[in-house]
């Protein structure tokens, strides 16, 4: 996957577009899975904000001030998505 500059917002948009193209609600299920995690109990944030909250304690992309913040957020996104897909397949 190539999204140009490695920014969390670009990757998030790519993943959302891919999810919309698939039309199978996998991202809705991903959001619900994340929301059931103890640290997110009762949260109404979207999946991308939940992931930022896990990493930085804040749900806004404004916390990504440096390229290494974006890189960490992207790595976390794919790790958690992989974890979800693995748990859903099992």
PDB file of N, CA and C in Angstrom:
ATOM      1  N   UNK A   1       0.845  -1.170   0.000  1.00  0.00           N
ATOM      2  CA  UNK A   1       0.000   0.000   0.000  1.00  0.00           C
ATOM      3  C   UNK A   1       0.891   1.233   0.000  1.00  0.00           C
ATOM      4  N   UNK A   2       0.615   2.155  -0.895  1.00  0.00           N
ATOM      5  CA  UNK A   2       1.363   3.406  -0.936  1.00  0.00           C
ATOM      6  C   UNK A   2       0.378   4.547  -0.773  1.00  0.00           C
ATOM      7  N   UNK A   3       0.612   5.386   0.216  1.00  0.00           N
ATOM      8  CA  UNK A   3      -0.283   6.517   0.474  1.00  0.00           C
ATOM      9  C   UNK A   3       0.469   7.836   0.405  1.00  0.00           C
ATOM     10  N   UNK A   4       1.663   7.831  -0.171  1.00  0.00           N
ATOM     11  CA  UNK A   4       2.469   9.050  -0.191  1.00  0.00           C
ATOM     12  C   UNK A   4       3.190   9.186   1.133  1.00  0.00           C
ATOM     13  N   UNK A   5       3.172  10.377   1.670  1.00  0.00           N
ATOM     14  CA  UNK A   5       3.797  10.627   2.965  1.00  0.00           C
ATOM     15  C   UNK A   5       3.116   9.790   4.050  1.00  0.00           C
ATOM     16  N   UNK A   6       3.900   9.202   4.921  1.00  0.00           N
ATOM     17  CA  UNK A   6       3.354   8.313   5.952  1.00  0.00           C
ATOM     18  C   UNK A   6       2.698   9.124   7.060  1.00  0.00           C
ATOM     19  N   UNK A   7       1.433   9.430   6.871  1.00  0.00           N
ATOM     20  CA  UNK A   7       0.645  10.154   7.873  1.00  0.00           C
ATOM     21  C   UNK A   7      -0.525   9.276   8.278  1.00  0.00           C
ATOM     22  N   UNK A   8      -0.826   9.270   9.560  1.00  0.00           N
ATOM     23  CA  UNK A   8      -1.934   8.469  10.078  1.00  0.00           C
ATOM     24  C   UNK A   8      -3.231   8.835   9.364  1.00  0.00           C
ATOM     25  N   UNK A   9      -3.471  10.117   9.152  1.00  0.00           N
ATOM     26  CA  UNK A   9      -4.723  10.534   8.513  1.00  0.00           C
ATOM     27  C   UNK A   9      -4.845   9.980   7.098  1.00  0.00           C
ATOM     28  N   UNK A  10      -3.724   9.902   6.353  1.00  0.00           N
ATOM     29  CA  UNK A  10      -3.764   9.353   5.001  1.00  0.00           C
ATOM     30  C   UNK A  10      -4.063   7.854   5.034  1.00  0.00           C
ATOM     31  N   UNK A  11      -3.410   7.154   5.937  1.00  0.00           N
ATOM     32  CA  UNK A  11      -3.626   5.709   6.052  1.00  0.00           C
ATOM     33  C   UNK A  11      -5.043   5.427   6.535  1.00  0.00           C
ATOM     34  N   UNK A  12      -5.520   6.212   7.504  1.00  0.00           N
ATOM     35  CA  UNK A  12      -6.901   6.057   7.993  1.00  0.00           C
ATOM     36  C   UNK A  12      -7.882   6.212   6.844  1.00  0.00           C
ATOM     37  N   UNK A  13      -7.698   7.240   6.018  1.00  0.00           N
ATOM     38  CA  UNK A  13      -8.593   7.456   4.872  1.00  0.00           C
ATOM     39  C   UNK A  13      -8.528   6.290   3.888  1.00  0.00           C
ATOM     40  N   UNK A  14      -7.328   5.774   3.659  1.00  0.00           N
ATOM     41  CA  UNK A  14      -7.173   4.627   2.766  1.00  0.00           C
ATOM     42  C   UNK A  14      -7.939   3.422   3.314  1.00  0.00           C
ATOM     43  N   UNK A  15      -7.752   3.132   4.603  1.00  0.00           N
ATOM     44  CA  UNK A  15      -8.420   1.990   5.221  1.00  0.00           C
ATOM     45  C   UNK A  15      -9.939   2.183   5.189  1.00  0.00           C
ATOM     46  N   UNK A  16     -10.418   3.391   5.470  1.00  0.00           N
ATOM     47  CA  UNK A  16     -11.855   3.654   5.420  1.00  0.00           C
ATOM     48  C   UNK A  16     -12.389   3.479   3.997  1.00  0.00           C
ATOM     49  N   UNK A  17     -11.649   3.952   2.999  1.00  0.00           N
ATOM     50  CA  UNK A  17     -12.065   3.794   1.608  1.00  0.00           C
ATOM     51  C   UNK A  17     -12.089   2.336   1.195  1.00  0.00           C
ATOM     52  N   UNK A  18     -11.078   1.589   1.621  1.00  0.00           N
ATOM     53  CA  UNK A  18     -11.033   0.166   1.335  1.00  0.00           C
ATOM     54  C   UNK A  18     -12.220  -0.541   1.980  1.00  0.00           C
ATOM     55  N   UNK A  19     -12.506  -0.177   3.231  1.00  0.00           N
ATOM     56  CA  UNK A  19     -13.638  -0.770   3.930  1.00  0.00           C
ATOM     57  C   UNK A  19     -14.963  -0.449   3.246  1.00  0.00           C
ATOM     58  N   UNK A  20     -15.107   0.788   2.777  1.00  0.00           N
ATOM     59  CA  UNK A  20     -16.336   1.176   2.072  1.00  0.00           C
ATOM     60  C   UNK A  20     -16.468   0.419   0.756  1.00  0.00           C
ATOM     61  N   UNK A  21     -15.352   0.235   0.070  1.00  0.00           N
ATOM     62  CA  UNK A  21     -15.390  -0.483  -1.212  1.00  0.00           C
ATOM     63  C   UNK A  21     -15.768  -1.945  -1.011  1.00  0.00           C
ATOM     64  N   UNK A  22     -15.295  -2.526   0.091  1.00  0.00           N
ATOM     65  CA  UNK A  22     -15.638  -3.926   0.375  1.00  0.00           C
ATOM     66  C   UNK A  22     -17.109  -4.058   0.728  1.00  0.00           C
ATOM     67  N   UNK A  23     -17.643  -3.066   1.432  1.00  0.00           N
ATOM     68  CA  UNK A  23     -19.057  -3.063   1.785  1.00  0.00           C
ATOM     69  C   UNK A  23     -19.469  -4.171   2.736  1.00  0.00           C
ATOM     70  N   UNK A  24     -18.530  -4.678   3.553  1.00  0.00           N
ATOM     71  CA  UNK A  24     -18.871  -5.797   4.425  1.00  0.00           C
ATOM     72  C   UNK A  24     -18.925  -5.425   5.906  1.00  0.00           C
ATOM     73  N   UNK A  25     -18.856  -4.146   6.224  1.00  0.00           N
ATOM     74  CA  UNK A  25     -18.963  -3.654   7.604  1.00  0.00           C
ATOM     75  C   UNK A  25     -17.845  -4.149   8.521  1.00  0.00           C
ATOM     76  N   UNK A  26     -16.710  -4.549   7.972  1.00  0.00           N
ATOM     77  CA  UNK A  26     -15.621  -5.027   8.817  1.00  0.00           C
ATOM     78  C   UNK A  26     -15.119  -3.919   9.745  1.00  0.00           C
ATOM     79  N   UNK A  27     -15.121  -2.671   9.280  1.00  0.00           N
ATOM     80  CA  UNK A  27     -14.653  -1.576  10.145  1.00  0.00           C
ATOM     81  C   UNK A  27     -15.658  -1.265  11.248  1.00  0.00           C
ATOM     82  N   UNK A  28     -16.931  -1.456  10.978  1.00  0.00           N
ATOM     83  CA  UNK A  28     -17.927  -1.281  12.034  1.00  0.00           C
ATOM     84  C   UNK A  28     -17.717  -2.342  13.105  1.00  0.00           C
ATOM     85  N   UNK A  29     -17.455  -3.566  12.680  1.00  0.00           N
ATOM     86  CA  UNK A  29     -17.183  -4.644  13.625  1.00  0.00           C
ATOM     87  C   UNK A  29     -15.869  -4.390  14.378  1.00  0.00           C
ATOM     88  N   UNK A  30     -14.881  -3.829  13.684  1.00  0.00           N
ATOM     89  CA  UNK A  30     -13.609  -3.477  14.318  1.00  0.00           C
ATOM     90  C   UNK A  30     -13.833  -2.438  15.406  1.00  0.00           C
ATOM     91  N   UNK A  31     -14.643  -1.424  15.114  1.00  0.00           N
ATOM     92  CA  UNK A  31     -14.953  -0.380  16.088  1.00  0.00           C
ATOM     93  C   UNK A  31     -15.658  -0.974  17.310  1.00  0.00           C
ATOM     94  N   UNK A  32     -16.621  -1.861  17.062  1.00  0.00           N
ATOM     95  CA  UNK A  32     -17.341  -2.493  18.166  1.00  0.00           C
ATOM     96  C   UNK A  32     -16.401  -3.353  19.013  1.00  0.00           C
ATOM     97  N   UNK A  33     -15.489  -4.062  18.366  1.00  0.00           N
ATOM     98  CA  UNK A  33     -14.501  -4.878  19.072  1.00  0.00           C
ATOM     99  C   UNK A  33     -13.605  -4.000  19.939  1.00  0.00           C
ATOM    100  N   UNK A  34     -13.126  -2.903  19.379  1.00  0.00           N
ATOM    101  CA  UNK A  34     -12.300  -1.973  20.151  1.00  0.00           C
ATOM    102  C   UNK A  34     -13.067  -1.403  21.337  1.00  0.00           C
ATOM    103  N   UNK A  35     -14.319  -1.018  21.093  1.00  0.00           N
ATOM    104  CA  UNK A  35     -15.123  -0.390  22.146  1.00  0.00           C
ATOM    105  C   UNK A  35     -15.378  -1.341  23.316  1.00  0.00           C
ATOM    106  N   UNK A  36     -15.301  -2.633  23.079  1.00  0.00           N
ATOM    107  CA  UNK A  36     -15.497  -3.611  24.157  1.00  0.00           C
ATOM    108  C   UNK A  36     -14.246  -3.790  25.006  1.00  0.00           C
ATOM    109  N   UNK A  37     -13.130  -3.256  24.560  1.00  0.00           N
ATOM    110  CA  UNK A  37     -11.890  -3.360  25.330  1.00  0.00           C
ATOM    111  C   UNK A  37     -12.065  -2.539  26.619  1.00  0.00           C
ATOM    112  N   UNK A  38     -11.516  -3.018  27.722  1.00  0.00           N
ATOM    113  CA  UNK A  38     -11.722  -2.334  29.017  1.00  0.00           C
ATOM    114  C   UNK A  38     -11.369  -0.849  29.001  1.00  0.00           C
ATOM    115  N   UNK A  39     -10.323  -0.464  28.298  1.00  0.00           N
ATOM    116  CA  UNK A  39      -9.900   0.936  28.297  1.00  0.00           C
ATOM    117  C   UNK A  39     -10.862   1.847  27.521  1.00  0.00           C
ATOM    118  N   UNK A  40     -11.770   1.268  26.753  1.00  0.00           N
ATOM    119  CA  UNK A  40     -12.701   2.072  25.958  1.00  0.00           C
ATOM    120  C   UNK A  40     -14.156   1.905  26.390  1.00  0.00           C
ATOM    121  N   UNK A  41     -14.377   1.235  27.480  1.00  0.00           N
ATOM    122  CA  UNK A  41     -15.752   0.948  27.908  1.00  0.00           C
ATOM    123  C   UNK A  41     -16.606   2.223  27.901  1.00  0.00           C
ATOM    124  N   UNK A  42     -17.682   2.180  27.145  1.00  0.00           N
ATOM    125  CA  UNK A  42     -18.622   3.289  27.094  1.00  0.00           C
ATOM    126  C   UNK A  42     -18.233   4.417  26.159  1.00  0.00           C
ATOM    127  N   UNK A  43     -17.146   4.274  25.434  1.00  0.00           N
ATOM    128  CA  UNK A  43     -16.696   5.338  24.533  1.00  0.00           C
ATOM    129  C   UNK A  43     -17.528   5.351  23.254  1.00  0.00           C
ATOM    130  N   UNK A  44     -17.745   6.528  22.733  1.00  0.00           N
ATOM    131  CA  UNK A  44     -18.484   6.660  21.475  1.00  0.00           C
ATOM    132  C   UNK A  44     -17.577   7.099  20.328  1.00  0.00           C
ATOM    133  N   UNK A  45     -16.268   7.081  20.540  1.00  0.00           N
ATOM    134  CA  UNK A  45     -15.319   7.469  19.494  1.00  0.00           C
ATOM    135  C   UNK A  45     -15.344   6.492  18.323  1.00  0.00           C
ATOM    136  N   UNK A  46     -14.953   6.973  17.165  1.00  0.00           N
ATOM    137  CA  UNK A  46     -14.776   6.114  15.995  1.00  0.00           C
ATOM    138  C   UNK A  46     -13.510   5.292  16.193  1.00  0.00           C
ATOM    139  N   UNK A  47     -13.340   4.242  15.389  1.00  0.00           N
ATOM    140  CA  UNK A  47     -12.208   3.328  15.572  1.00  0.00           C
ATOM    141  C   UNK A  47     -10.863   4.033  15.499  1.00  0.00           C
ATOM    142  N   UNK A  48     -10.728   4.975  14.585  1.00  0.00           N
ATOM    143  CA  UNK A  48      -9.435   5.647  14.419  1.00  0.00           C
ATOM    144  C   UNK A  48      -9.080   6.493  15.648  1.00  0.00           C
ATOM    145  N   UNK A  49     -10.071   7.076  16.281  1.00  0.00           N
ATOM    146  CA  UNK A  49      -9.838   7.857  17.498  1.00  0.00           C
ATOM    147  C   UNK A  49      -9.554   6.945  18.694  1.00  0.00           C
ATOM    148  N   UNK A  50     -10.215   5.793  18.745  1.00  0.00           N
ATOM    149  CA  UNK A  50      -9.940   4.844  19.820  1.00  0.00           C
ATOM    150  C   UNK A  50      -8.486   4.393  19.794  1.00  0.00           C
ATOM    151  N   UNK A  51      -7.965   4.174  18.594  1.00  0.00           N
ATOM    152  CA  UNK A  51      -6.567   3.754  18.471  1.00  0.00           C
ATOM    153  C   UNK A  51      -5.616   4.850  18.934  1.00  0.00           C
ATOM    154  N   UNK A  52      -5.918   6.095  18.587  1.00  0.00           N
ATOM    155  CA  UNK A  52      -5.079   7.206  19.043  1.00  0.00           C
ATOM    156  C   UNK A  52      -5.132   7.340  20.555  1.00  0.00           C
ATOM    157  N   UNK A  53      -6.313   7.136  21.108  1.00  0.00           N
ATOM    158  CA  UNK A  53      -6.457   7.208  22.564  1.00  0.00           C
ATOM    159  C   UNK A  53      -5.606   6.134  23.239  1.00  0.00           C
ATOM    160  N   UNK A  54      -5.562   4.940  22.649  1.00  0.00           N
ATOM    161  CA  UNK A  54      -4.716   3.880  23.197  1.00  0.00           C
ATOM    162  C   UNK A  54      -3.242   4.278  23.185  1.00  0.00           C
ATOM    163  N   UNK A  55      -2.808   4.904  22.118  1.00  0.00           N
ATOM    164  CA  UNK A  55      -1.390   5.229  21.942  1.00  0.00           C
ATOM    165  C   UNK A  55      -0.953   6.476  22.704  1.00  0.00           C
ATOM    166  N   UNK A  56      -1.797   7.523  22.647  1.00  0.00           N
ATOM    167  CA  UNK A  56      -1.363   8.833  23.122  1.00  0.00           C
ATOM    168  C   UNK A  56      -2.222   9.403  24.251  1.00  0.00           C
ATOM    169  N   UNK A  57      -3.285   8.691  24.633  1.00  0.00           N
ATOM    170  CA  UNK A  57      -4.159   9.187  25.686  1.00  0.00           C
ATOM    171  C   UNK A  57      -5.077  10.312  25.232  1.00  0.00           C
ATOM    172  N   UNK A  58      -5.117  10.552  23.930  1.00  0.00           N
ATOM    173  CA  UNK A  58      -5.946  11.613  23.359  1.00  0.00           C
ATOM    174  C   UNK A  58      -6.477  11.106  22.029  1.00  0.00           C
ATOM    175  N   UNK A  59      -7.725  11.398  21.726  1.00  0.00           N
ATOM    176  CA  UNK A  59      -8.373  10.817  20.551  1.00  0.00           C
ATOM    177  C   UNK A  59      -8.297  11.686  19.302  1.00  0.00           C
ATOM    178  N   UNK A  60      -7.581  12.773  19.332  1.00  0.00           N
ATOM    179  CA  UNK A  60      -7.516  13.678  18.187  1.00  0.00           C
ATOM    180  C   UNK A  60      -6.220  13.485  17.405  1.00  0.00           C
ATOM    181  N   UNK A  61      -6.313  13.593  16.091  1.00  0.00           N
ATOM    182  CA  UNK A  61      -5.123  13.510  15.252  1.00  0.00           C
ATOM    183  C   UNK A  61      -4.193  14.697  15.471  1.00  0.00           C
ATOM    184  N   UNK A  62      -4.646  15.705  16.202  1.00  0.00           N
ATOM    185  CA  UNK A  62      -3.801  16.862  16.523  1.00  0.00           C
ATOM    186  C   UNK A  62      -2.593  16.474  17.375  1.00  0.00           C
ATOM    187  N   UNK A  63      -2.651  15.313  18.053  1.00  0.00           N
ATOM    188  CA  UNK A  63      -1.529  14.886  18.887  1.00  0.00           C
ATOM    189  C   UNK A  63      -0.347  14.388  18.049  1.00  0.00           C
ATOM    190  N   UNK A  64      -0.569  14.181  16.767  1.00  0.00           N
ATOM    191  CA  UNK A  64       0.474  13.641  15.888  1.00  0.00           C
ATOM    192  C   UNK A  64       1.309  14.783  15.324  1.00  0.00           C
ATOM    193  N   UNK A  65       2.190  15.299  16.150  1.00  0.00           N
ATOM    194  CA  UNK A  65       2.964  16.481  15.783  1.00  0.00           C
ATOM    195  C   UNK A  65       4.243  16.150  15.027  1.00  0.00           C
ATOM    196  N   UNK A  66       4.733  14.932  15.157  1.00  0.00           N
ATOM    197  CA  UNK A  66       6.018  14.564  14.564  1.00  0.00           C
ATOM    198  C   UNK A  66       5.854  13.320  13.687  1.00  0.00           C
ATOM    199  N   UNK A  67       6.714  13.167  12.691  1.00  0.00           N
ATOM    200  CA  UNK A  67       6.636  11.982  11.826  1.00  0.00           C
ATOM    201  C   UNK A  67       6.700  10.670  12.603  1.00  0.00           C
ATOM    202  N   UNK A  68       7.475  10.647  13.687  1.00  0.00           N
ATOM    203  CA  UNK A  68       7.544   9.402  14.454  1.00  0.00           C
ATOM    204  C   UNK A  68       6.231   9.103  15.183  1.00  0.00           C
ATOM    205  N   UNK A  69       5.450  10.140  15.501  1.00  0.00           N
ATOM    206  CA  UNK A  69       4.116   9.922  16.085  1.00  0.00           C
ATOM    207  C   UNK A  69       3.200   9.264  15.058  1.00  0.00           C
ATOM    208  N   UNK A  70       3.221   9.781  13.825  1.00  0.00           N
ATOM    209  CA  UNK A  70       2.428   9.177  12.752  1.00  0.00           C
ATOM    210  C   UNK A  70       2.852   7.734  12.531  1.00  0.00           C
ATOM    211  N   UNK A  71       4.163   7.489  12.488  1.00  0.00           N
ATOM    212  CA  UNK A  71       4.673   6.134  12.264  1.00  0.00           C
ATOM    213  C   UNK A  71       4.205   5.184  13.366  1.00  0.00           C
ATOM    214  N   UNK A  72       4.259   5.622  14.613  1.00  0.00           N
ATOM    215  CA  UNK A  72       3.811   4.790  15.734  1.00  0.00           C
ATOM    216  C   UNK A  72       2.311   4.523  15.638  1.00  0.00           C
ATOM    217  N   UNK A  73       1.534   5.534  15.286  1.00  0.00           N
ATOM    218  CA  UNK A  73       0.085   5.375  15.165  1.00  0.00           C
ATOM    219  C   UNK A  73      -0.274   4.410  14.031  1.00  0.00           C
ATOM    220  N   UNK A  74       0.443   4.498  12.922  1.00  0.00           N
ATOM    221  CA  UNK A  74       0.199   3.597  11.786  1.00  0.00           C
ATOM    222  C   UNK A  74       0.539   2.163  12.166  1.00  0.00           C
ATOM    223  N   UNK A  75       1.667   1.978  12.816  1.00  0.00           N
ATOM    224  CA  UNK A  75       2.058   0.640  13.264  1.00  0.00           C
ATOM    225  C   UNK A  75       1.016   0.068  14.217  1.00  0.00           C
ATOM    226  N   UNK A  76       0.532   0.907  15.127  1.00  0.00           N
ATOM    227  CA  UNK A  76      -0.488   0.468  16.094  1.00  0.00           C
ATOM    228  C   UNK A  76      -1.793   0.117  15.381  1.00  0.00           C
ATOM    229  N   UNK A  77      -2.188   0.919  14.416  1.00  0.00           N
ATOM    230  CA  UNK A  77      -3.412   0.655  13.651  1.00  0.00           C
ATOM    231  C   UNK A  77      -3.358  -0.742  13.044  1.00  0.00           C
ATOM    232  N   UNK A  78      -2.266  -1.047  12.333  1.00  0.00           N
ATOM    233  CA  UNK A  78      -2.190  -2.341  11.669  1.00  0.00           C
ATOM    234  C   UNK A  78      -2.030  -3.493  12.651  1.00  0.00           C
ATOM    235  N   UNK A  79      -1.372  -3.264  13.767  1.00  0.00           N
ATOM    236  CA  UNK A  79      -1.258  -4.312  14.782  1.00  0.00           C
ATOM    237  C   UNK A  79      -2.629  -4.642  15.363  1.00  0.00           C
ATOM    238  N   UNK A  80      -3.401  -3.616  15.691  1.00  0.00           N
ATOM    239  CA  UNK A  80      -4.731  -3.849  16.281  1.00  0.00           C
ATOM    240  C   UNK A  80      -5.699  -4.415  15.252  1.00  0.00           C
ATOM    241  N   UNK A  81      -5.602  -3.950  14.004  1.00  0.00           N
ATOM    242  CA  UNK A  81      -6.470  -4.495  12.944  1.00  0.00           C
ATOM    243  C   UNK A  81      -6.138  -5.968  12.725  1.00  0.00           C
ATOM    244  N   UNK A  82      -4.862  -6.303  12.717  1.00  0.00           N
ATOM    245  CA  UNK A  82      -4.457  -7.706  12.567  1.00  0.00           C
ATOM    246  C   UNK A  82      -4.973  -8.529  13.745  1.00  0.00           C
ATOM    247  N   UNK A  83      -4.855  -7.995  14.951  1.00  0.00           N
ATOM    248  CA  UNK A  83      -5.353  -8.685  16.144  1.00  0.00           C
ATOM    249  C   UNK A  83      -6.862  -8.951  16.021  1.00  0.00           C
ATOM    250  N   UNK A  84      -7.602  -7.946  15.572  1.00  0.00           N
ATOM    251  CA  UNK A  84      -9.048  -8.094  15.404  1.00  0.00           C
ATOM    252  C   UNK A  84      -9.371  -9.145  14.349  1.00  0.00           C
ATOM    253  N   UNK A  85      -8.732  -9.055  13.188  1.00  0.00           N
ATOM    254  CA  UNK A  85      -9.020 -10.000  12.103  1.00  0.00           C
ATOM    255  C   UNK A  85      -8.659 -11.421  12.514  1.00  0.00           C
ATOM    256  N   UNK A  86      -7.594 -11.579  13.263  1.00  0.00           N
ATOM    257  CA  UNK A  86      -7.200 -12.898  13.737  1.00  0.00           C
ATOM    258  C   UNK A  86      -8.238 -13.434  14.741  1.00  0.00           C
ATOM    259  N   UNK A  87      -8.723 -12.575  15.624  1.00  0.00           N
ATOM    260  CA  UNK A  87      -9.713 -13.015  16.612  1.00  0.00           C
ATOM    261  C   UNK A  87     -11.060 -13.324  15.952  1.00  0.00           C
ATOM    262  N   UNK A  88     -11.391 -12.589  14.900  1.00  0.00           N
ATOM    263  CA  UNK A  88     -12.658 -12.821  14.199  1.00  0.00           C
ATOM    264  C   UNK A  88     -12.614 -14.096  13.375  1.00  0.00           C
ATOM    265  N   UNK A  89     -11.431 -14.465  12.894  1.00  0.00           N
ATOM    266  CA  UNK A  89     -11.283 -15.672  12.082  1.00  0.00           C
ATOM    267  C   UNK A  89     -11.275 -16.939  12.933  1.00  0.00           C
ATOM    268  N   UNK A  90     -10.901 -16.777  14.202  1.00  0.00           N
ATOM    269  CA  UNK A  90     -10.759 -17.954  15.073  1.00  0.00           C
ATOM    270  C   UNK A  90     -12.021 -18.327  15.692  1.00  0.00           C
TER     271      UNK A  90
END
